[in-house]
C-alpha atoms as a PDB file:
ATOM      1  CA  MET A   1      23.497  27.654  27.533  1.00  0.00           C
ATOM      2  CA  ALA A   2      21.478  24.745  26.407  1.00  0.00           C
ATOM      3  CA  GLU A   3      22.649  22.919  23.599  1.00  0.00           C
ATOM      4  CA  VAL A   4      20.088  22.487  20.655  1.00  0.00           C
ATOM      5  CA  LEU A   5      19.612  18.914  19.987  1.00  0.00           C
ATOM      6  CA  PHE A   6      16.933  19.008  17.345  1.00  0.00           C
ATOM      7  CA  HIS A   7      16.295  21.452  14.358  1.00  0.00           C
ATOM      8  CA  LYS A   8      13.619  21.082  11.396  1.00  0.00           C
ATOM      9  CA  GLU A   9      15.561  20.209   8.219  1.00  0.00           C
ATOM     10  CA  SER A  10      12.463  19.771   5.883  1.00  0.00           C
ATOM     11  CA  GLU A  11       8.692  18.774   6.196  1.00  0.00           C
ATOM     12  CA  PHE A  12       6.964  16.035   4.299  1.00  0.00           C
ATOM     13  CA  THR A  13       3.777  17.100   2.830  1.00  0.00           C
ATOM     14  CA  PRO A  14       1.809  14.250   1.455  1.00  0.00           C
ATOM     15  CA  ASP A  15       0.214  14.847  -2.122  1.00  0.00           C
ATOM     16  CA  SER A  16      -1.711  12.544  -4.606  1.00  0.00           C
ATOM     17  CA  LEU A  17       1.252  11.869  -7.077  1.00  0.00           C
ATOM     18  CA  ILE A  18       2.528   8.266  -5.625  1.00  0.00           C
ATOM     19  CA  VAL A  19      -0.463   5.827  -5.551  1.00  0.00           C
ATOM     20  CA  SER A  20       1.404   2.911  -4.153  1.00  0.00           C
ATOM     21  CA  THR A  21       5.096   2.040  -3.274  1.00  0.00           C
ATOM     22  CA  LYS A  22       4.500  -1.771  -4.173  1.00  0.00           C
ATOM     23  CA  ILE A  23       6.265  -1.323  -7.347  1.00  0.00           C
ATOM     24  CA  GLY A  24       9.207   0.673  -5.832  1.00  0.00           C
ATOM     25  CA  LEU A  25      10.323   4.068  -6.558  1.00  0.00           C
ATOM     26  CA  ILE A  26      13.703   4.603  -8.142  1.00  0.00           C
ATOM     27  CA  THR A  27      15.219   8.112  -8.791  1.00  0.00           C
ATOM     28  CA  LYS A  28      17.784   9.313 -11.358  1.00  0.00           C
ATOM     29  CA  GLY A  29      19.225  12.432 -11.925  1.00  0.00           C
ATOM     30  CA  ALA A  30      18.338  15.030 -14.514  1.00  0.00           C
ATOM     31  CA  LYS A  31      19.574  18.091 -16.101  1.00  0.00           C
ATOM     32  CA  LEU A  32      16.683  20.175 -17.155  1.00  0.00           C
ATOM     33  CA  ALA A  33      17.048  22.833 -19.923  1.00  0.00           C
ATOM     34  CA  PRO A  34      16.784  26.371 -18.733  1.00  0.00           C
ATOM     35  CA  LYS A  35      13.864  28.629 -19.888  1.00  0.00           C
ATOM     36  CA  GLN A  36      10.858  26.278 -19.102  1.00  0.00           C
ATOM     37  CA  GLY A  37       9.826  28.162 -16.186  1.00  0.00           C
ATOM     38  CA  ILE A  38       8.487  26.154 -13.174  1.00  0.00           C
ATOM     39  CA  LEU A  39       7.871  22.532 -13.847  1.00  0.00           C
ATOM     40  CA  LYS A  40       5.535  21.010 -11.277  1.00  0.00           C
ATOM     41  CA  ARG A  41       6.344  17.892  -9.422  1.00  0.00           C
ATOM     42  CA  GLY A  42       4.798  14.941 -11.432  1.00  0.00           C
ATOM     43  CA  SER A  43       5.719  16.637 -14.601  1.00  0.00           C
ATOM     44  CA  LEU A  44       6.755  13.924 -17.277  1.00  0.00           C
ATOM     45  CA  ILE A  45      10.388  14.829 -18.503  1.00  0.00           C
ATOM     46  CA  GLY A  46      12.197  13.260 -21.350  1.00  0.00           C
ATOM     47  CA  LYS A  47      15.951  13.618 -22.867  1.00  0.00           C
ATOM     48  CA  ALA A  48      16.186  15.542 -25.986  1.00  0.00           C
ATOM     49  CA  ALA A  49      19.294  15.126 -28.694  1.00  0.00           C
ATOM     50  CA  ASP A  50      21.074  18.037 -26.700  1.00  0.00           C
ATOM     51  CA  SER A  51      21.290  15.864 -23.600  1.00  0.00           C
ATOM     52  CA  LEU A  52      19.096  18.048 -21.577  1.00  0.00           C
ATOM     53  CA  TYR A  53      15.731  17.156 -20.228  1.00  0.00           C
ATOM     54  CA  TYR A  54      12.315  19.016 -20.947  1.00  0.00           C
ATOM     55  CA  LEU A  55       8.707  18.808 -20.424  1.00  0.00           C
ATOM     56  CA  THR A  56       7.349  15.763 -22.323  1.00  0.00           C
ATOM     57  CA  GLY A  57       6.002  17.003 -25.652  1.00  0.00           C
ATOM     58  CA  THR A  58       8.088  20.284 -25.838  1.00  0.00           C
ATOM     59  CA  LYS A  59       9.485  20.466 -29.460  1.00  0.00           C
ATOM     60  CA  VAL A  60      13.083  20.598 -29.522  1.00  0.00           C
ATOM     61  CA  SER A  61      14.578  21.198 -33.139  1.00  0.00           C
ATOM     62  CA  ASP A  62      10.921  20.355 -34.347  1.00  0.00           C
ATOM     63  CA  VAL A  63      10.974  16.920 -32.665  1.00  0.00           C
ATOM     64  CA  PRO A  64       8.664  16.429 -29.676  1.00  0.00           C
ATOM     65  CA  THR A  65      10.448  15.208 -26.439  1.00  0.00           C
ATOM     66  CA  GLY A  66       9.625  11.679 -25.310  1.00  0.00           C
ATOM     67  CA  VAL A  67       9.530  10.460 -21.670  1.00  0.00           C
ATOM     68  CA  THR A  68      12.175   9.273 -19.317  1.00  0.00           C
ATOM     69  CA  GLY A  69      10.566   9.912 -15.834  1.00  0.00           C
ATOM     70  CA  VAL A  70       8.409  11.775 -13.556  1.00  0.00           C
ATOM     71  CA  LEU A  71       9.719  15.051 -11.843  1.00  0.00           C
ATOM     72  CA  THR A  72      10.195  14.348  -8.189  1.00  0.00           C
ATOM     73  CA  ASP A  73       9.778  17.998  -6.970  1.00  0.00           C
ATOM     74  CA  ASP A  74       8.825  21.461  -8.256  1.00  0.00           C
ATOM     75  CA  THR A  75      11.520  22.870 -10.226  1.00  0.00           C
ATOM     76  CA  ASP A  76      12.125  26.307 -11.436  1.00  0.00           C
ATOM     77  CA  THR A  77      14.285  26.536 -14.782  1.00  0.00           C
ATOM     78  CA  GLY A  78      14.104  30.114 -14.919  1.00  0.00           C
ATOM     79  CA  GLU A  79      12.409  32.627 -17.423  1.00  0.00           C
ATOM     80  CA  ALA A  80      13.492  33.582 -20.968  1.00  0.00           C
ATOM     81  CA  THR A  81      16.728  35.034 -19.884  1.00  0.00           C
ATOM     82  CA  ALA A  82      18.074  32.016 -18.016  1.00  0.00           C
ATOM     83  CA  THR A  83      21.240  30.376 -19.365  1.00  0.00           C
ATOM     84  CA  ASP A  84      22.151  27.446 -16.982  1.00  0.00           C
ATOM     85  CA  PRO A  85      20.603  23.824 -16.675  1.00  0.00           C
ATOM     86  CA  VAL A  86      18.994  22.913 -13.537  1.00  0.00           C
ATOM     87  CA  VAL A  87      19.941  19.766 -12.020  1.00  0.00           C
ATOM     88  CA  THR A  88      16.956  17.735 -10.491  1.00  0.00           C
ATOM     89  CA  THR A  89      15.611  14.332  -9.914  1.00  0.00           C
ATOM     90  CA  GLN A  90      13.155  12.035 -11.871  1.00  0.00           C
ATOM     91  CA  TYR A  91      11.435   8.848 -10.818  1.00  0.00           C
ATOM     92  CA  ILE A  92      12.266   6.189 -13.292  1.00  0.00           C
ATOM     93  CA  THR A  93       9.838   3.774 -11.838  1.00  0.00           C
ATOM     94  CA  GLY A  94       6.766   4.026  -9.783  1.00  0.00           C
ATOM     95  CA  ASP A  95       2.732   3.891  -9.726  1.00  0.00           C
ATOM     96  CA  PHE A  96       1.330   7.159 -10.183  1.00  0.00           C
ATOM     97  CA  ASN A  97      -1.893   8.960  -9.987  1.00  0.00           C
ATOM     98  CA  ARG A  98      -2.921   9.716 -13.359  1.00  0.00           C
ATOM     99  CA  ASP A  99      -4.388  13.087 -12.533  1.00  0.00           C
ATOM    100  CA  ALA A 100      -1.232  14.515 -10.789  1.00  0.00           C
ATOM    101  CA  LEU A 101       1.065  14.072 -13.944  1.00  0.00           C
ATOM    102  CA  TYR A 102       1.761  16.786 -16.401  1.00  0.00           C
ATOM    103  CA  VAL A 103       2.770  17.068 -20.064  1.00  0.00           C
ATOM    104  CA  HIS A 104       3.131  19.867 -22.423  1.00  0.00           C
ATOM    105  CA  GLU A 105      -0.051  21.445 -23.245  1.00  0.00           C
ATOM    106  CA  THR A 106       0.140  20.465 -27.053  1.00  0.00           C
ATOM    107  CA  VAL A 107      -0.088  16.736 -26.237  1.00  0.00           C
ATOM    108  CA  ASN A 108      -2.173  14.019 -24.363  1.00  0.00           C
ATOM    109  CA  LEU A 109      -1.001  12.210 -21.367  1.00  0.00           C
ATOM    110  CA  GLU A 110      -2.502   9.298 -22.890  1.00  0.00           C
ATOM    111  CA  ASP A 111      -0.205   9.211 -25.940  1.00  0.00           C
ATOM    112  CA  TYR A 112       2.642   8.140 -23.368  1.00  0.00           C
ATOM    113  CA  GLU A 113       1.008   5.467 -21.557  1.00  0.00           C
ATOM    114  CA  ASP A 114       2.794   2.589 -23.603  1.00  0.00           C
ATOM    115  CA  GLU A 115       6.043   4.116 -23.530  1.00  0.00           C
ATOM    116  CA  LEU A 116       5.701   4.799 -19.675  1.00  0.00           C
ATOM    117  CA  ARG A 117       4.612   1.102 -19.135  1.00  0.00           C
ATOM    118  CA  LYS A 118       7.743   0.116 -20.768  1.00  0.00           C
ATOM    119  CA  LEU A 119       9.770   2.047 -18.514  1.00  0.00           C
ATOM    120  CA  GLY A 120       8.075   0.647 -15.343  1.00  0.00           C
ATOM    121  CA  ILE A 121       6.056   3.606 -14.773  1.00  0.00           C
ATOM    122  CA  PHE A 122       2.284   3.200 -14.310  1.00  0.00           C
ATOM    123  CA  MET A 123      -0.562   5.283 -14.182  1.00  0.00           C
ATOM    124  CA  GLN A 124      -3.772   4.798 -12.113  1.00  0.00           C
ATOM    125  CA  ASN A 125      -7.000   6.406 -11.741  1.00  0.00           C
ATOM    126  CA  THR A 126      -7.643   7.449  -8.070  1.00  0.00           C
ATOM    127  CA  ILE A 127     -10.547   8.927  -6.209  1.00  0.00           C
ATOM    128  CA  ASN A 128      -9.568  12.361  -4.649  1.00  0.00           C
END
């Protein structure tokens, strides 16, 4: 019987999130709060007072969450009955396509541009 020497682990599918790697991409772990549904790759996330991460602009104890990074992958945090945080990763530096970034519907991406720049996260306009 022949030995299987190759098998597919995962597949890279290019998207429009990352504009350039000249700045470098650095990742860091994050524990997303439950009950946020599916957060898309490219969502800005921020750490709240409860030490959990939320979609940027989400109000936690009446305080909108800031930004600490960009979600690296689509992540399902569960529906209204979910109770456990979800461990994921975020980019904490990089050069990203402005049109591929997401924040809570109650805020504007532009409101976080200065804060992102201070973190080493840059947004570019690109042609799709």
